Protein backbone atom coordinates (compact mmCIF):
# COMPACT_ATOMS: atom_id res chain seq x y z
CA MET A 1 13.62 -1.04 13.13
CA ALA A 2 13.17 -3.34 10.15
CA ILE A 3 13.23 -6.82 8.73
CA ILE A 4 16.48 -8.20 7.40
CA ILE A 5 15.55 -10.40 4.46
CA ARG A 6 17.70 -13.50 4.04
CA ILE A 7 17.22 -15.38 0.75
CA ASP A 8 18.83 -18.82 0.67
CA VAL A 9 19.24 -19.94 -2.94
CA ASP A 10 19.29 -23.72 -2.49
CA ARG A 11 18.13 -25.03 -5.86
CA PRO A 12 19.51 -23.80 -9.20
CA TYR A 13 16.51 -25.07 -11.19
CA GLY A 14 13.82 -25.30 -8.53
CA ARG A 15 12.07 -28.56 -7.79
CA ARG A 16 9.01 -28.65 -10.08
CA PRO A 17 8.34 -30.05 -12.59
CA VAL A 18 10.37 -33.25 -12.31
CA LEU A 19 12.86 -32.23 -15.03
CA ARG A 20 13.85 -29.09 -13.13
CA HIS A 21 14.25 -31.14 -9.95
CA VAL A 22 16.58 -33.52 -11.79
CA LEU A 23 18.60 -30.61 -13.18
CA SER A 24 18.94 -29.19 -9.68
CA ARG A 25 20.21 -32.51 -8.36
CA LEU A 26 22.70 -32.87 -11.22
CA SER A 27 24.01 -29.37 -10.57
CA SER A 28 24.42 -30.08 -6.87
CA GLU A 29 25.97 -33.53 -7.18
CA ALA A 30 28.27 -32.96 -10.15
CA TYR A 31 28.21 -30.10 -12.64
CA LEU A 32 25.72 -28.60 -15.05
CA PRO A 33 26.08 -25.37 -17.05
CA ARG A 34 23.83 -22.48 -16.00
CA ILE A 35 21.05 -22.71 -18.61
CA GLU A 36 18.49 -19.94 -18.21
CA ALA A 37 16.23 -21.48 -20.88
CA PHE A 38 15.72 -24.43 -18.50
CA GLY A 39 14.78 -22.11 -15.64
CA TYR A 40 18.11 -21.45 -13.92
CA LEU A 41 17.36 -19.27 -10.85
CA ARG A 42 13.92 -18.45 -12.31
CA GLU A 43 12.25 -18.09 -8.91
CA LEU A 44 15.05 -15.95 -7.54
CA LYS A 45 14.69 -13.54 -10.44
CA VAL A 46 10.96 -13.20 -9.79
CA MET A 47 11.57 -12.59 -6.09
CA LEU A 48 14.24 -9.96 -6.77
CA GLU A 49 11.90 -8.20 -9.20
CA MET A 50 9.24 -8.12 -6.47
CA LEU A 51 11.71 -6.68 -4.00
CA ASN A 52 12.98 -4.08 -6.44
CA GLU A 53 9.44 -2.92 -7.17
CA GLU A 54 9.05 -2.18 -3.46
CA GLN A 55 12.60 -0.78 -3.13
CA ALA A 56 13.23 -3.48 -0.52
CA GLN A 57 16.75 -4.74 0.15
CA SER A 58 17.93 -8.24 1.00
CA TYR A 59 20.86 -10.56 1.55
CA VAL A 60 21.02 -13.28 -1.12
CA PHE A 61 23.05 -16.37 -0.21
CA PHE A 62 24.50 -18.49 -3.01
CA ARG A 63 25.79 -22.06 -3.06
CA ARG A 64 28.51 -23.11 -5.50
CA CYS A 65 25.77 -24.57 -7.76
CA THR A 66 23.57 -21.45 -7.62
CA LEU A 67 26.05 -18.72 -8.51
CA PRO A 68 24.21 -15.71 -9.97
CA SER A 69 23.60 -15.40 -13.69
CA ALA A 70 24.10 -12.11 -15.53
CA ALA A 71 20.38 -11.34 -15.18
CA VAL A 72 20.49 -11.98 -11.44
CA MET A 73 23.62 -9.85 -11.06
CA ARG A 74 21.78 -6.99 -12.77
CA LEU A 75 18.81 -7.32 -10.41
CA LEU A 76 21.11 -7.48 -7.39
CA GLY A 77 22.78 -4.25 -8.44
CA GLU A 78 19.54 -2.45 -9.25
CA GLY A 79 18.14 -3.23 -5.81
CA ARG A 80 21.36 -2.78 -3.85
CA HIS A 81 21.07 -6.33 -2.52
CA GLU A 82 24.02 -7.95 -0.77
CA PRO A 83 25.30 -11.30 -2.12
CA GLY A 84 26.51 -13.68 0.56
CA LEU A 85 27.99 -17.17 0.94
CA HIS A 86 25.60 -20.06 1.61
CA LEU A 87 28.30 -22.28 3.06
CA GLU A 88 28.14 -25.86 1.86
CA ASN A 89 31.50 -27.56 2.49
CA SER A 90 32.15 -26.52 6.08
CA ARG A 91 34.66 -29.25 6.92
CA SER A 92 37.47 -26.78 7.58
CA PHE A 93 38.59 -23.20 7.23
CA VAL A 94 40.28 -24.19 3.95
CA THR A 95 37.03 -25.41 2.38
CA PHE A 96 35.20 -22.35 3.72
CA ALA A 97 37.82 -20.04 2.20
CA ARG A 98 37.61 -21.82 -1.17
CA GLU A 99 33.85 -21.35 -1.39
CA LYS A 100 34.12 -17.71 -0.34
CA GLN A 101 36.78 -17.09 -2.98
CA LEU A 102 34.66 -18.82 -5.64
CA LEU A 103 31.72 -16.54 -4.90
CA GLU A 104 33.85 -13.40 -4.80
CA ARG A 105 35.57 -14.18 -8.10
CA HIS A 106 32.19 -14.81 -9.72
CA THR A 107 30.48 -11.66 -8.44
CA GLY A 108 33.50 -9.37 -8.32
CA LYS A 109 32.42 -8.32 -4.83
CA LYS A 110 33.71 -9.04 -1.34
CA ALA A 111 31.39 -11.41 0.51
CA LYS A 112 30.47 -9.78 3.83
CA ALA A 113 27.82 -12.23 5.02
CA VAL A 114 27.63 -16.00 5.48
CA SER A 115 24.88 -18.52 6.23
CA LYS A 116 24.98 -22.32 6.42
CA HIS A 117 23.31 -24.69 3.97
CA GLY A 118 21.42 -27.17 6.15
CA SER A 119 20.92 -27.29 9.89
CA GLY A 120 22.61 -30.62 10.63
CA GLY A 121 21.65 -34.23 9.97
CA ALA A 122 20.67 -34.54 6.31
CA LYS A 123 23.29 -34.31 3.56
CA PHE A 124 22.25 -32.15 0.62
CA GLY A 125 24.60 -32.85 -2.25
CA TYR A 126 28.07 -34.20 -2.90
CA HIS A 127 29.88 -31.10 -1.62
CA HIS A 128 27.68 -30.62 1.43
CA TYR A 129 29.03 -31.22 4.92
CA ALA A 130 25.98 -31.86 7.06
CA PRO A 131 26.97 -30.94 10.67
CA TYR A 132 25.81 -27.52 11.82
CA GLU A 133 28.65 -25.87 13.79
CA PRO A 134 27.95 -22.13 13.99
CA GLU A 135 30.82 -21.31 16.34
CA LYS A 136 33.27 -22.38 13.64
CA TYR A 137 31.60 -20.28 10.95
CA VAL A 138 31.69 -17.21 13.17
CA GLU A 139 35.40 -17.73 13.84
CA TRP A 140 36.21 -18.28 10.16
CA ALA A 141 34.11 -15.33 9.02
CA GLN A 142 35.79 -12.99 11.49
CA GLU A 143 39.19 -14.22 10.37
CA SER A 144 38.13 -13.42 6.80
CA SER A 145 37.01 -9.87 7.62
CA MET A 146 33.33 -10.58 7.03
CA SER A 147 30.59 -8.67 8.86
CA VAL A 148 27.71 -11.00 9.77
CA PHE A 149 26.65 -14.62 10.24
CA PHE A 150 23.00 -15.62 9.95
CA GLY A 151 22.14 -18.78 11.88
CA ASN A 152 19.44 -21.39 11.29
CA LEU A 153 17.67 -21.58 14.65
CA GLU A 154 13.90 -21.40 14.30
CA ASP A 155 13.28 -18.90 17.09
CA PRO A 156 12.97 -15.34 15.70
CA THR A 157 13.05 -13.83 19.20
CA LEU A 158 16.75 -14.66 19.67
CA ARG A 159 18.66 -11.41 19.78
CA PRO A 160 21.78 -10.67 17.73
CA PHE A 161 25.10 -10.30 19.46
CA SER A 162 28.61 -9.10 18.71
CA SER A 163 31.88 -10.20 20.21
CA ASN A 164 33.94 -7.23 19.06
CA GLY A 165 31.51 -4.55 17.93
CA CYS A 166 32.30 -5.23 14.27
CA PHE A 167 31.06 -8.75 13.55
CA TRP A 168 27.43 -9.63 14.28
CA THR A 169 25.70 -12.98 14.75
CA TYR A 170 21.97 -13.40 14.21
CA PRO A 171 21.36 -16.90 15.62
CA GLY A 172 17.69 -17.34 14.62
CA ALA A 173 15.19 -16.27 12.01
CA PHE A 174 11.51 -16.06 11.16
CA TRP A 175 11.20 -18.85 8.58
CA LEU A 176 8.38 -17.86 6.23
CA GLU A 177 7.74 -21.47 5.19
CA PRO A 178 5.46 -23.06 7.86
CA HIS A 179 7.40 -26.34 7.90
CA TRP A 180 10.13 -24.62 9.96
CA ARG A 181 7.97 -22.21 11.97
CA ASP A 182 5.68 -22.40 14.97
CA THR A 183 2.79 -20.75 13.16
CA ASP A 184 0.65 -20.48 16.30
CA ARG A 185 3.33 -18.61 18.20
CA PHE A 186 4.76 -16.72 15.23
CA PRO A 187 2.11 -15.81 12.65
CA VAL A 188 2.96 -13.32 9.93
CA GLU A 189 1.15 -10.65 11.95
CA TRP A 190 3.71 -11.18 14.73
CA LEU A 191 6.54 -10.42 12.30
CA VAL A 192 4.88 -7.28 10.97
CA GLN A 193 4.31 -5.90 14.46
CA GLU A 194 7.63 -7.02 15.96
CA ALA A 195 9.65 -5.48 13.13
CA LYS A 196 8.33 -2.09 14.20
CA LYS A 197 10.17 -2.52 17.52
CA SER A 198 13.33 -4.48 16.63
CA ASP A 199 15.24 -5.93 13.71
CA ILE A 200 14.00 -9.41 12.73
CA VAL A 201 15.56 -11.76 10.18
CA LEU A 202 13.08 -13.12 7.62
CA LEU A 203 14.33 -16.31 5.96
CA VAL A 204 12.89 -17.41 2.61
CA HIS A 205 13.67 -19.95 -0.12
CA PRO A 206 12.42 -18.62 -3.49
CA GLU A 207 11.16 -21.91 -4.94
CA ASN A 208 9.18 -22.72 -1.78
CA VAL A 209 7.60 -19.30 -1.40
CA LEU A 210 6.63 -18.82 -5.03
CA GLU A 211 5.05 -22.26 -5.47
CA SER A 212 2.53 -21.35 -2.75
CA PRO A 213 0.04 -18.55 -3.54
CA ARG A 214 -0.49 -17.98 0.19
CA LEU A 215 3.22 -17.64 0.94
CA THR A 216 3.69 -15.41 -2.10
CA GLU A 217 0.94 -13.13 -0.83
CA ASP A 218 2.46 -13.15 2.67
CA PHE A 219 5.82 -12.16 1.19
CA ARG A 220 4.29 -9.36 -0.89
CA ARG A 221 2.46 -8.05 2.15
CA ILE A 222 5.59 -8.05 4.30
CA ILE A 223 7.84 -6.25 1.83
CA SER A 224 5.18 -3.65 1.03
CA THR A 225 4.39 -2.77 4.65
CA VAL A 226 7.60 -3.27 6.64
CA GLU A 227 10.91 -1.45 6.22
CA THR A 228 13.83 -3.60 5.10
CA LYS A 229 17.55 -3.11 5.40
CA VAL A 230 21.01 -4.58 5.05
CA LEU A 231 23.53 -3.90 7.79
CA ASP A 232 26.01 -1.07 7.47
CA SER A 233 29.60 -2.18 7.78
CA ILE A 234 30.88 -0.28 10.81
CA CYS A 235 34.44 -1.60 10.67
CA ALA A 236 37.03 -1.49 7.92
């Protein structure tokens, strides 16, 4: 049993200081070149380095505005991490397929996993379609020969399920950031102990975790004490 680390890369330039927040908004709303000197995916690189030091694996989900740089691609390969689609424009199967193709062309790898950017309600960027409709994503992902969908429900006790033995849905996750977690019911100690008995999805956002010394320490503790894994593809 293990934790399945899900990294959602929401912001290309983070959110602090103000200049990086502005650059992130520009990238999301329109277009901005990937400029590493301005901190493009800086927090993700640090997190991947931490994972690689512990030989811990993860799924890393990219939006169209957070596609991996050459440095991030190198870290992904060194740690055998799995890049996935952080679906943004989920209006239709056509828009889903376009985003998947964009990611696959950029990485040169087939995208096997998908997660949704946002859980409904708020609109995050020009390309973002706010409604959260997981049944559609599961259908589209299966049609596209993907392997797994990670959902946004905030209950880590929800069990995964499969409709055909090949494609798996993990409806909920343990959100490391306290804003999305019942910290009384689900402290970090719960995750550490529960992962010894069953697979649990751990959801993190690099810029949120690394700006908090406490969350950074929690993350280091988890990846150094609990086994991690990505799912084996059991179907062609």
